[in-house]
Amino acid sequence: MESFNGKLRDKLLAREVFDTLLEAKVLIERWRKVYNTVRPHSSLRYRLPAM
C-alpha cells in the first residue's frame, strides 16, 4: 500500500490541479485502474496482471 500511495502522489497528485472534487475522483480512479491492471508488476516478474 505504501508503494501505491507514493506512486499516486508522485505520478498524479503532484502533477495535477483538480478544479472539482468530482474531477479528482474520476482521475484518481482512472489512474488506480491503470496502476492495478495495465502496468507491469515486479511481483509477477514484470508481467501484466491481466495476462
N, C-alpha and C. Protein backbone atom coordinates (compact mmCIF):
# COMPACT_ATOMS: atom_id res chain seq x y z
N MET A 1 0.82 -1.19 0.00
CA MET A 1 0.00 0.00 0.00
C MET A 1 0.87 1.25 0.00
N GLU A 2 1.98 1.22 0.71
CA GLU A 2 2.85 2.39 0.75
C GLU A 2 3.41 2.70 -0.63
N SER A 3 3.73 1.67 -1.39
CA SER A 3 4.23 1.88 -2.76
C SER A 3 3.17 2.55 -3.61
N PHE A 4 1.92 2.06 -3.50
CA PHE A 4 0.82 2.66 -4.25
C PHE A 4 0.66 4.13 -3.89
N ASN A 5 0.65 4.43 -2.60
CA ASN A 5 0.46 5.82 -2.16
C ASN A 5 1.58 6.72 -2.67
N GLY A 6 2.82 6.24 -2.62
CA GLY A 6 3.95 7.03 -3.10
C GLY A 6 3.87 7.30 -4.59
N LYS A 7 3.52 6.27 -5.34
CA LYS A 7 3.40 6.44 -6.80
C LYS A 7 2.22 7.34 -7.15
N LEU A 8 1.12 7.18 -6.43
CA LEU A 8 -0.04 8.05 -6.66
C LEU A 8 0.34 9.51 -6.44
N ARG A 9 1.02 9.75 -5.35
CA ARG A 9 1.45 11.12 -5.03
C ARG A 9 2.42 11.66 -6.09
N ASP A 10 3.43 10.87 -6.44
CA ASP A 10 4.46 11.33 -7.36
C ASP A 10 3.98 11.44 -8.81
N LYS A 11 3.20 10.48 -9.25
CA LYS A 11 2.82 10.40 -10.66
C LYS A 11 1.53 11.15 -10.99
N LEU A 12 0.69 11.38 -10.01
CA LEU A 12 -0.59 12.02 -10.31
C LEU A 12 -0.83 13.28 -9.49
N LEU A 13 -0.84 13.14 -8.19
CA LEU A 13 -1.26 14.27 -7.34
C LEU A 13 -0.31 15.46 -7.44
N ALA A 14 0.98 15.22 -7.57
CA ALA A 14 1.94 16.32 -7.63
C ALA A 14 1.92 17.02 -8.99
N ARG A 15 1.26 16.41 -9.98
CA ARG A 15 1.28 16.97 -11.34
C ARG A 15 -0.06 17.51 -11.80
N GLU A 16 -1.09 17.33 -11.01
CA GLU A 16 -2.43 17.75 -11.42
C GLU A 16 -2.96 18.83 -10.49
N VAL A 17 -3.77 19.70 -11.05
CA VAL A 17 -4.54 20.66 -10.27
C VAL A 17 -6.00 20.33 -10.55
N PHE A 18 -6.70 19.90 -9.54
CA PHE A 18 -8.09 19.49 -9.70
C PHE A 18 -8.99 20.69 -9.46
N ASP A 19 -9.92 20.89 -10.37
CA ASP A 19 -10.86 22.01 -10.24
C ASP A 19 -12.05 21.65 -9.36
N THR A 20 -12.41 20.38 -9.36
CA THR A 20 -13.55 19.94 -8.55
C THR A 20 -13.23 18.61 -7.88
N LEU A 21 -13.99 18.28 -6.87
CA LEU A 21 -13.83 17.00 -6.21
C LEU A 21 -14.18 15.86 -7.16
N LEU A 22 -15.20 16.05 -7.97
CA LEU A 22 -15.59 15.03 -8.95
C LEU A 22 -14.44 14.76 -9.92
N GLU A 23 -13.81 15.80 -10.42
CA GLU A 23 -12.68 15.62 -11.33
C GLU A 23 -11.56 14.82 -10.65
N ALA A 24 -11.27 15.14 -9.41
CA ALA A 24 -10.23 14.41 -8.67
C ALA A 24 -10.61 12.94 -8.54
N LYS A 25 -11.84 12.66 -8.19
CA LYS A 25 -12.29 11.27 -8.03
C LYS A 25 -12.17 10.49 -9.34
N VAL A 26 -12.58 11.10 -10.43
CA VAL A 26 -12.54 10.43 -11.74
C VAL A 26 -11.10 10.16 -12.16
N LEU A 27 -10.23 11.14 -12.04
CA LEU A 27 -8.84 10.97 -12.46
C LEU A 27 -8.09 9.98 -11.57
N ILE A 28 -8.34 10.03 -10.29
CA ILE A 28 -7.69 9.09 -9.37
C ILE A 28 -8.17 7.67 -9.64
N GLU A 29 -9.44 7.47 -9.87
CA GLU A 29 -9.96 6.14 -10.17
C GLU A 29 -9.39 5.61 -11.48
N ARG A 30 -9.29 6.46 -12.49
CA ARG A 30 -8.71 6.07 -13.77
C ARG A 30 -7.25 5.65 -13.58
N TRP A 31 -6.51 6.43 -12.80
CA TRP A 31 -5.10 6.13 -12.54
C TRP A 31 -4.97 4.82 -11.76
N ARG A 32 -5.85 4.60 -10.79
CA ARG A 32 -5.82 3.38 -9.98
C ARG A 32 -6.04 2.14 -10.85
N LYS A 33 -6.97 2.22 -11.79
CA LYS A 33 -7.24 1.08 -12.66
C LYS A 33 -6.03 0.76 -13.52
N VAL A 34 -5.39 1.78 -14.06
CA VAL A 34 -4.17 1.56 -14.86
C VAL A 34 -3.08 0.96 -13.98
N TYR A 35 -2.90 1.50 -12.80
CA TYR A 35 -1.87 1.02 -11.87
C TYR A 35 -2.07 -0.46 -11.55
N ASN A 36 -3.31 -0.87 -11.36
CA ASN A 36 -3.60 -2.24 -10.94
C ASN A 36 -3.76 -3.24 -12.08
N THR A 37 -4.00 -2.78 -13.31
CA THR A 37 -4.30 -3.72 -14.38
C THR A 37 -3.41 -3.61 -15.61
N VAL A 38 -2.85 -2.46 -15.89
CA VAL A 38 -2.13 -2.26 -17.15
C VAL A 38 -0.63 -2.28 -16.98
N ARG A 39 -0.12 -1.72 -15.90
CA ARG A 39 1.33 -1.62 -15.75
C ARG A 39 1.92 -2.96 -15.31
N PRO A 40 3.14 -3.26 -15.71
CA PRO A 40 3.80 -4.49 -15.27
C PRO A 40 4.06 -4.46 -13.76
N HIS A 41 3.93 -5.61 -13.11
CA HIS A 41 4.15 -5.73 -11.67
C HIS A 41 5.42 -6.52 -11.40
N SER A 42 6.26 -5.99 -10.54
CA SER A 42 7.51 -6.68 -10.22
C SER A 42 7.24 -8.04 -9.57
N SER A 43 6.20 -8.14 -8.77
CA SER A 43 5.88 -9.41 -8.12
C SER A 43 5.43 -10.48 -9.12
N LEU A 44 5.07 -10.07 -10.32
CA LEU A 44 4.66 -11.00 -11.38
C LEU A 44 5.75 -11.13 -12.43
N ARG A 45 6.98 -10.86 -12.04
CA ARG A 45 8.13 -10.88 -12.95
C ARG A 45 7.93 -9.90 -14.10
N TYR A 46 7.39 -8.75 -13.78
CA TYR A 46 7.17 -7.63 -14.70
C TYR A 46 6.22 -8.00 -15.85
N ARG A 47 5.28 -8.87 -15.53
CA ARG A 47 4.20 -9.17 -16.49
C ARG A 47 2.98 -8.34 -16.10
N LEU A 48 2.06 -8.26 -17.02
CA LEU A 48 0.81 -7.55 -16.76
C LEU A 48 -0.12 -8.44 -15.96
N PRO A 49 -0.83 -7.89 -14.98
CA PRO A 49 -1.74 -8.70 -14.17
C PRO A 49 -2.86 -9.34 -14.97
N ALA A 50 -3.30 -8.70 -16.03
CA ALA A 50 -4.43 -9.21 -16.81
C ALA A 50 -4.05 -10.42 -17.66
N MET A 51 -2.79 -10.75 -17.77
CA MET A 51 -2.37 -11.87 -18.63
C MET A 51 -2.38 -13.17 -17.88
